Amino acid sequence: MRYALSALLAAALIASGAAARDAKPPKTNLKGEAALAKVLEGRVPGKPVSCISVTDSQQSRIFDGTAIVYQSTGRTLYVNRPTAGADALDNDDILVTQIWGSQLCNLDQVRTVDRLSRFPRGFVSLGEFVPYTKPKKS
């Protein structure tokens, strides 16, 4: 019995190693990445933050399969690359965010709804917010 259990555990470890080795990296959405790069052109990334103020956010924009950009009232754009669900982001979706205070944070989940049919499409788990600002001119 002991040998059978040991053999079973060894087989499970080998299988999990093979699955991890065969796992494919997330697919990059070239169209979304190109559109995001164009918006961020001339901007410099800052230190990532966990939360942003909801009252300072004027609008958000989805970049297909890539990220969500939140525009603040100042000169800053906050780029959020979700930790889960980013590949399903579609710029035709509506973001439905439930806020628990005055900040949107990296642990929050955002639901997506199809703009035309109004049917739920999924959700994303937010990551850290990277601020991008234009350098001050000398």
Protein backbone atom coordinates (compact mmCIF):
# COMPACT_ATOMS: atom_id res chain seq x y z
CA MET A 1 0.00 0.00 0.00
CA ARG A 2 2.83 2.38 0.93
CA TYR A 3 4.60 1.71 -2.38
CA ALA A 4 1.40 2.28 -4.34
CA LEU A 5 0.86 5.64 -2.61
CA SER A 6 4.49 6.64 -3.26
CA ALA A 7 4.16 5.67 -6.92
CA LEU A 8 0.92 7.65 -7.21
CA LEU A 9 2.53 10.74 -5.67
CA ALA A 10 5.55 10.43 -7.94
CA ALA A 11 3.30 10.16 -11.01
CA ALA A 12 1.36 13.25 -9.90
CA LEU A 13 4.58 15.25 -9.47
CA ILE A 14 5.85 14.20 -12.90
CA ALA A 15 2.51 15.10 -14.50
CA SER A 16 2.40 18.52 -12.81
CA GLY A 17 5.96 19.23 -13.97
CA ALA A 18 5.07 18.30 -17.53
CA ALA A 19 1.97 20.50 -17.41
CA ALA A 20 3.99 23.45 -16.14
CA ARG A 21 6.62 22.89 -18.84
CA ASP A 22 3.99 22.63 -21.58
CA ALA A 23 2.03 25.69 -20.36
CA LYS A 24 2.05 28.38 -23.01
CA PRO A 25 2.75 32.02 -22.14
CA PRO A 26 -0.25 34.35 -22.40
CA LYS A 27 -0.99 35.37 -25.99
CA THR A 28 0.01 38.95 -26.78
CA ASN A 29 -2.56 41.08 -28.54
CA LEU A 30 -0.41 43.01 -31.03
CA LYS A 31 -3.24 45.35 -32.04
CA GLY A 32 -3.95 46.27 -28.41
CA GLU A 33 -0.24 46.68 -27.61
CA ALA A 34 0.29 48.93 -30.64
CA ALA A 35 -2.70 51.13 -29.76
CA LEU A 36 -1.51 51.40 -26.15
CA ALA A 37 2.03 52.30 -27.25
CA LYS A 38 0.63 55.08 -29.44
CA VAL A 39 -1.34 56.57 -26.53
CA LEU A 40 1.68 56.38 -24.21
CA GLU A 41 4.09 57.84 -26.76
CA GLY A 42 6.15 60.64 -25.19
CA ARG A 43 5.15 59.64 -21.65
CA VAL A 44 7.40 58.28 -18.94
CA PRO A 45 6.32 55.44 -16.60
CA GLY A 46 6.44 56.03 -12.87
CA LYS A 47 6.44 53.74 -9.86
CA PRO A 48 3.40 51.41 -9.84
CA VAL A 49 0.72 52.12 -7.23
CA SER A 50 -1.87 49.81 -5.69
CA CYS A 51 -4.82 52.21 -5.86
CA ILE A 52 -6.01 55.31 -7.70
CA SER A 53 -8.57 57.89 -6.63
CA VAL A 54 -11.97 57.43 -8.22
CA THR A 55 -12.76 61.13 -7.89
CA ASP A 56 -9.64 62.04 -9.89
CA SER A 57 -10.40 59.59 -12.71
CA GLN A 58 -12.15 61.24 -15.63
CA GLN A 59 -12.51 58.28 -17.97
CA SER A 60 -11.28 54.80 -18.77
CA ARG A 61 -10.37 53.17 -22.05
CA ILE A 62 -9.98 49.49 -22.92
CA PHE A 63 -7.15 48.28 -25.16
CA ASP A 64 -8.10 44.95 -26.75
CA GLY A 65 -6.64 41.99 -24.89
CA THR A 66 -4.07 44.19 -23.20
CA ALA A 67 -4.90 46.83 -20.60
CA ILE A 68 -7.25 49.43 -19.20
CA VAL A 69 -6.09 53.05 -19.10
CA TYR A 70 -7.57 55.41 -16.53
CA GLN A 71 -7.15 59.13 -17.23
CA SER A 72 -6.80 61.36 -14.18
CA THR A 73 -7.81 65.00 -13.91
CA GLY A 74 -4.13 65.94 -14.18
CA ARG A 75 -1.62 64.94 -16.84
CA THR A 76 -1.37 61.34 -15.70
CA LEU A 77 -2.58 58.18 -17.40
CA TYR A 78 -2.72 55.07 -15.21
CA VAL A 79 -2.18 51.81 -17.10
CA ASN A 80 -3.60 48.68 -15.54
CA ARG A 81 -2.65 45.31 -16.97
CA PRO A 82 -5.11 42.92 -15.30
CA THR A 83 -3.71 39.86 -13.55
CA ALA A 84 -6.58 37.74 -14.89
CA GLY A 85 -8.99 38.12 -17.79
CA ALA A 86 -6.97 40.62 -19.84
CA ASP A 87 -7.13 38.46 -22.96
CA ALA A 88 -10.92 38.92 -23.00
CA LEU A 89 -10.77 42.72 -22.91
CA ASP A 90 -12.57 44.25 -25.87
CA ASN A 91 -12.83 47.97 -26.57
CA ASP A 92 -16.49 47.43 -27.43
CA ASP A 93 -17.22 46.37 -23.86
CA ILE A 94 -18.48 48.51 -21.00
CA LEU A 95 -16.59 48.33 -17.70
CA VAL A 96 -18.81 47.81 -14.66
CA THR A 97 -16.90 48.59 -11.50
CA GLN A 98 -18.21 48.28 -7.97
CA ILE A 99 -16.29 50.69 -5.75
CA TRP A 100 -15.94 50.11 -2.00
CA GLY A 101 -14.80 53.60 -1.02
CA SER A 102 -13.06 56.38 -2.89
CA GLN A 103 -10.36 54.28 -4.54
CA LEU A 104 -10.02 51.67 -7.23
CA CYS A 105 -7.41 49.12 -6.17
CA ASN A 106 -5.38 46.29 -7.64
CA LEU A 107 -7.43 43.63 -5.86
CA ASP A 108 -10.72 44.86 -7.32
CA GLN A 109 -12.61 43.00 -10.01
CA VAL A 110 -14.25 44.72 -12.95
CA ARG A 111 -17.07 43.10 -14.90
CA THR A 112 -17.37 43.57 -18.65
CA VAL A 113 -20.67 43.95 -20.49
CA ASP A 114 -21.22 43.83 -24.25
CA ARG A 115 -22.05 47.37 -25.42
CA LEU A 116 -24.65 46.25 -27.97
CA SER A 117 -26.48 43.34 -26.33
CA ARG A 118 -25.88 44.43 -22.70
CA PHE A 119 -25.07 40.81 -21.83
CA PRO A 120 -22.27 40.16 -19.32
CA ARG A 121 -19.06 39.02 -21.04
CA GLY A 122 -16.74 38.32 -18.13
CA PHE A 123 -14.51 39.98 -15.60
CA VAL A 124 -10.93 41.05 -15.06
CA SER A 125 -8.87 41.15 -11.87
CA LEU A 126 -6.99 44.41 -11.75
CA GLY A 127 -3.22 44.56 -11.35
CA GLU A 128 -1.09 47.49 -10.22
CA PHE A 129 -1.60 50.91 -11.78
CA VAL A 130 1.45 52.31 -13.58
CA PRO A 131 1.34 56.12 -13.88
CA TYR A 132 2.54 57.60 -17.18
CA THR A 133 3.21 61.34 -17.37
CA LYS A 134 4.63 63.68 -19.96
CA PRO A 135 8.00 65.06 -18.92
CA LYS A 136 8.01 68.73 -18.00
CA LYS A 137 9.49 70.93 -20.69
CA SER A 138 12.57 72.87 -19.67
